Amino acid sequence: MKSTNYLSTFIVISPDSAATQGTVPEKAGSIAAIQHRLLKDKPYGLTSDDVLFLTHAERAQIPKSDWKAARAEFFAKPKACLRCSPLVKQFGWGLHHDEKGRVALYGVETQPYRQLAKKADLKIVNGMRSSRA
C-alpha cells in the first residue's frame, strides 16, 4: 500500500490560488465539501490516507462493513496526496500534518496559518497548481 501521509508538514495554498480566506465548499457531496467536513469535524483526528479513503467511500456509497477490503483496493494503486485537494487549490485552506501524520485545516487569512507557514521545524510545501505555469 502506498501512503499519502505527511509528517510534520504544512501544505500552504497553491501559488495560483485566488483565495484570500478559507471558504466552506458549498456543493454538497463534492470532494471539497466532504474533505472539509471530515477535517473540520475531527481536527488532528485523521491522516491524509483516512481523508482520501473516507471521501472515496462516501462518494461511492461503500458500506462501512466493506471498508477494510475497499481501503486495500483503493490504495493498491498510487493516489494523489492532499497537495492536489481542492481545499488548497481553490478554497483557501492550508493543511497541517502533525508528527503522527494527523491533519487539521487552517484558513489562509488566520493567524495560525501564518504562524505555521513560518515554522522552522515544519516542512512547508505548496499545494499543486491548478494550471501549468
C-alpha atoms as a PDB file:
ATOM      1  CA  MET A   1       0.000   0.000   0.000  1.00  0.00           C
ATOM      2  CA  LYS A   2       1.318   3.405  -0.977  1.00  0.00           C
ATOM      3  CA  SER A   3       0.730   6.116   1.625  1.00  0.00           C
ATOM      4  CA  THR A   4      -0.091   9.780   1.066  1.00  0.00           C
ATOM      5  CA  ASN A   5       0.634  10.718   4.680  1.00  0.00           C
ATOM      6  CA  TYR A   6       2.989  13.565   5.512  1.00  0.00           C
ATOM      7  CA  LEU A   7       4.679  14.034   8.892  1.00  0.00           C
ATOM      8  CA  SER A   8       5.376  17.464  10.436  1.00  0.00           C
ATOM      9  CA  THR A   9       4.382  19.220   7.217  1.00  0.00           C
ATOM     10  CA  PHE A  10       2.253  22.229   6.312  1.00  0.00           C
ATOM     11  CA  ILE A  11       0.662  22.340   2.866  1.00  0.00           C
ATOM     12  CA  VAL A  12       0.096  26.009   2.033  1.00  0.00           C
ATOM     13  CA  ILE A  13      -2.439  27.095  -0.565  1.00  0.00           C
ATOM     14  CA  SER A  14      -1.480  26.711  -4.204  1.00  0.00           C
ATOM     15  CA  PRO A  15       0.625  29.551  -5.656  1.00  0.00           C
ATOM     16  CA  ASP A  16      -2.016  30.220  -8.327  1.00  0.00           C
ATOM     17  CA  SER A  17      -4.971  30.156  -5.924  1.00  0.00           C
ATOM     18  CA  ALA A  18      -7.081  33.318  -5.925  1.00  0.00           C
ATOM     19  CA  ALA A  19      -8.415  32.552  -2.431  1.00  0.00           C
ATOM     20  CA  THR A  20      -7.899  35.209   0.240  1.00  0.00           C
ATOM     21  CA  GLN A  21      -9.651  33.296   3.011  1.00  0.00           C
ATOM     22  CA  GLY A  22     -10.715  29.781   3.851  1.00  0.00           C
ATOM     23  CA  THR A  23     -14.130  29.242   2.286  1.00  0.00           C
ATOM     24  CA  VAL A  24     -16.520  26.415   3.103  1.00  0.00           C
ATOM     25  CA  PRO A  25     -17.242  24.465  -0.109  1.00  0.00           C
ATOM     26  CA  GLU A  26     -20.954  24.745  -0.854  1.00  0.00           C
ATOM     27  CA  LYS A  27     -21.550  21.908  -3.327  1.00  0.00           C
ATOM     28  CA  ALA A  28     -22.886  19.036  -1.210  1.00  0.00           C
ATOM     29  CA  GLY A  29     -21.219  15.708  -1.921  1.00  0.00           C
ATOM     30  CA  SER A  30     -18.244  17.264  -3.694  1.00  0.00           C
ATOM     31  CA  ILE A  31     -14.722  16.128  -2.857  1.00  0.00           C
ATOM     32  CA  ALA A  32     -14.009  19.545  -1.354  1.00  0.00           C
ATOM     33  CA  ALA A  33     -17.151  19.544   0.804  1.00  0.00           C
ATOM     34  CA  ILE A  34     -16.534  16.033   2.116  1.00  0.00           C
ATOM     35  CA  GLN A  35     -12.853  16.678   2.879  1.00  0.00           C
ATOM     36  CA  HIS A  36     -13.705  19.981   4.579  1.00  0.00           C
ATOM     37  CA  ARG A  37     -16.367  18.345   6.762  1.00  0.00           C
ATOM     38  CA  LEU A  38     -14.074  15.467   7.753  1.00  0.00           C
ATOM     39  CA  LEU A  39     -11.227  17.802   8.729  1.00  0.00           C
ATOM     40  CA  LYS A  40     -13.464  20.379  10.443  1.00  0.00           C
ATOM     41  CA  ASP A  41     -15.247  17.700  12.476  1.00  0.00           C
ATOM     42  CA  LYS A  42     -12.042  15.889  13.504  1.00  0.00           C
ATOM     43  CA  PRO A  43      -9.044  18.244  13.552  1.00  0.00           C
ATOM     44  CA  TYR A  44      -5.918  16.104  14.022  1.00  0.00           C
ATOM     45  CA  GLY A  45      -8.153  13.023  14.135  1.00  0.00           C
ATOM     46  CA  LEU A  46      -7.492  11.659  10.642  1.00  0.00           C
ATOM     47  CA  THR A  47      -4.463  11.073   8.438  1.00  0.00           C
ATOM     48  CA  SER A  48      -4.283  12.033   4.782  1.00  0.00           C
ATOM     49  CA  ASP A  49      -4.909   8.393   3.857  1.00  0.00           C
ATOM     50  CA  ASP A  50      -8.016   8.392   6.074  1.00  0.00           C
ATOM     51  CA  VAL A  51      -9.367  11.582   4.483  1.00  0.00           C
ATOM     52  CA  LEU A  52      -8.816  10.318   0.944  1.00  0.00           C
ATOM     53  CA  PHE A  53     -10.363   6.915   1.605  1.00  0.00           C
ATOM     54  CA  LEU A  54     -13.344   8.243   3.580  1.00  0.00           C
ATOM     55  CA  THR A  55     -14.038  10.738   0.788  1.00  0.00           C
ATOM     56  CA  HIS A  56     -13.951   7.908  -1.751  1.00  0.00           C
ATOM     57  CA  ALA A  57     -16.108   5.642   0.435  1.00  0.00           C
ATOM     58  CA  GLU A  58     -18.756   8.317   0.907  1.00  0.00           C
ATOM     59  CA  ARG A  59     -18.915   9.254  -2.767  1.00  0.00           C
ATOM     60  CA  ALA A  60     -19.012   5.584  -3.844  1.00  0.00           C
ATOM     61  CA  GLN A  61     -21.523   4.742  -1.078  1.00  0.00           C
ATOM     62  CA  ILE A  62     -19.389   1.874   0.209  1.00  0.00           C
ATOM     63  CA  PRO A  63     -20.981   0.249   3.282  1.00  0.00           C
ATOM     64  CA  LYS A  64     -18.884   0.510   6.427  1.00  0.00           C
ATOM     65  CA  SER A  65     -18.792  -3.289   6.651  1.00  0.00           C
ATOM     66  CA  ASP A  66     -16.816  -3.348   3.368  1.00  0.00           C
ATOM     67  CA  TRP A  67     -14.311  -0.620   4.243  1.00  0.00           C
ATOM     68  CA  LYS A  68     -11.360  -2.869   5.089  1.00  0.00           C
ATOM     69  CA  ALA A  69     -11.315  -4.586   1.688  1.00  0.00           C
ATOM     70  CA  ALA A  70     -12.292  -1.401  -0.139  1.00  0.00           C
ATOM     71  CA  ARG A  71      -9.453   0.529   1.504  1.00  0.00           C
ATOM     72  CA  ALA A  72      -6.902  -2.117   0.478  1.00  0.00           C
ATOM     73  CA  GLU A  73      -8.229  -1.989  -3.081  1.00  0.00           C
ATOM     74  CA  PHE A  74      -8.290   1.836  -3.078  1.00  0.00           C
ATOM     75  CA  PHE A  75      -4.634   2.095  -2.055  1.00  0.00           C
ATOM     76  CA  ALA A  76      -3.455  -0.771  -4.294  1.00  0.00           C
ATOM     77  CA  LYS A  77      -2.666   1.915  -6.873  1.00  0.00           C
ATOM     78  CA  PRO A  78      -0.839   5.189  -6.081  1.00  0.00           C
ATOM     79  CA  LYS A  79      -3.093   8.103  -5.123  1.00  0.00           C
ATOM     80  CA  ALA A  80      -2.581  11.853  -5.340  1.00  0.00           C
ATOM     81  CA  CYS A  81      -1.865  13.411  -1.948  1.00  0.00           C
ATOM     82  CA  LEU A  82      -3.710  16.305  -0.323  1.00  0.00           C
ATOM     83  CA  ARG A  83      -1.492  18.784  -2.200  1.00  0.00           C
ATOM     84  CA  CYS A  84      -4.000  18.165  -5.019  1.00  0.00           C
ATOM     85  CA  SER A  85      -7.026  18.763  -2.810  1.00  0.00           C
ATOM     86  CA  PRO A  86      -9.459  21.437  -3.961  1.00  0.00           C
ATOM     87  CA  LEU A  87      -9.216  22.782  -0.405  1.00  0.00           C
ATOM     88  CA  VAL A  88      -5.665  24.044  -1.076  1.00  0.00           C
ATOM     89  CA  LYS A  89      -6.153  24.749  -4.779  1.00  0.00           C
ATOM     90  CA  GLN A  90      -9.438  26.683  -4.715  1.00  0.00           C
ATOM     91  CA  PHE A  91     -10.878  27.180  -1.259  1.00  0.00           C
ATOM     92  CA  GLY A  92      -8.036  28.818   0.708  1.00  0.00           C
ATOM     93  CA  TRP A  93      -7.250  26.130   3.287  1.00  0.00           C
ATOM     94  CA  GLY A  94      -3.787  25.148   4.469  1.00  0.00           C
ATOM     95  CA  LEU A  95      -3.380  21.596   5.768  1.00  0.00           C
ATOM     96  CA  HIS A  96      -1.142  20.947   8.771  1.00  0.00           C
ATOM     97  CA  HIS A  97       0.094  17.389   9.276  1.00  0.00           C
ATOM     98  CA  ASP A  98       1.411  16.793  12.797  1.00  0.00           C
ATOM     99  CA  GLU A  99       4.274  14.482  13.799  1.00  0.00           C
ATOM    100  CA  LYS A 100       1.910  11.483  13.645  1.00  0.00           C
ATOM    101  CA  GLY A 101       0.510  12.413  10.225  1.00  0.00           C
ATOM    102  CA  ARG A 102      -2.853  13.631  11.511  1.00  0.00           C
ATOM    103  CA  VAL A 103      -4.326  16.590   9.619  1.00  0.00           C
ATOM    104  CA  ALA A 104      -6.078  19.856  10.515  1.00  0.00           C
ATOM    105  CA  LEU A 105      -7.141  22.723   8.270  1.00  0.00           C
ATOM    106  CA  TYR A 106      -6.466  26.454   8.665  1.00  0.00           C
ATOM    107  CA  GLY A 107      -7.865  29.312   6.600  1.00  0.00           C
ATOM    108  CA  VAL A 108      -5.215  31.333   4.754  1.00  0.00           C
ATOM    109  CA  GLU A 109      -6.444  34.519   6.471  1.00  0.00           C
ATOM    110  CA  THR A 110      -5.874  33.223  10.020  1.00  0.00           C
ATOM    111  CA  GLN A 111      -3.039  33.870  12.449  1.00  0.00           C
ATOM    112  CA  PRO A 112      -2.416  30.117  12.997  1.00  0.00           C
ATOM    113  CA  TYR A 113      -1.982  29.684   9.203  1.00  0.00           C
ATOM    114  CA  ARG A 114       0.601  32.492   9.102  1.00  0.00           C
ATOM    115  CA  GLN A 115       2.430  31.041  12.113  1.00  0.00           C
ATOM    116  CA  LEU A 116       2.516  27.521  10.673  1.00  0.00           C
ATOM    117  CA  ALA A 117       3.721  28.816   7.286  1.00  0.00           C
ATOM    118  CA  LYS A 118       6.790  30.298   9.042  1.00  0.00           C
ATOM    119  CA  LYS A 119       7.608  27.460  11.467  1.00  0.00           C
ATOM    120  CA  ALA A 120      11.211  26.378  11.070  1.00  0.00           C
ATOM    121  CA  ASP A 121      10.579  22.837  12.331  1.00  0.00           C
ATOM    122  CA  LEU A 122       7.884  22.109   9.720  1.00  0.00           C
ATOM    123  CA  LYS A 123       8.361  21.116   6.120  1.00  0.00           C
ATOM    124  CA  ILE A 124       6.451  23.697   4.066  1.00  0.00           C
ATOM    125  CA  VAL A 125       5.085  22.549   0.696  1.00  0.00           C
ATOM    126  CA  ASN A 126       2.845  24.315  -1.798  1.00  0.00           C
ATOM    127  CA  GLY A 127      -0.466  22.948  -2.926  1.00  0.00           C
ATOM    128  CA  MET A 128      -0.398  21.855  -6.546  1.00  0.00           C
ATOM    129  CA  ARG A 129      -1.140  24.482  -9.154  1.00  0.00           C
ATOM    130  CA  SER A 130      -4.473  24.346 -10.946  1.00  0.00           C
ATOM    131  CA  SER A 131      -2.837  25.228 -14.250  1.00  0.00           C
ATOM    132  CA  ARG A 132       0.577  24.683 -15.765  1.00  0.00           C
ATOM    133  CA  ALA A 133       2.980  27.542 -15.236  1.00  0.00           C
END
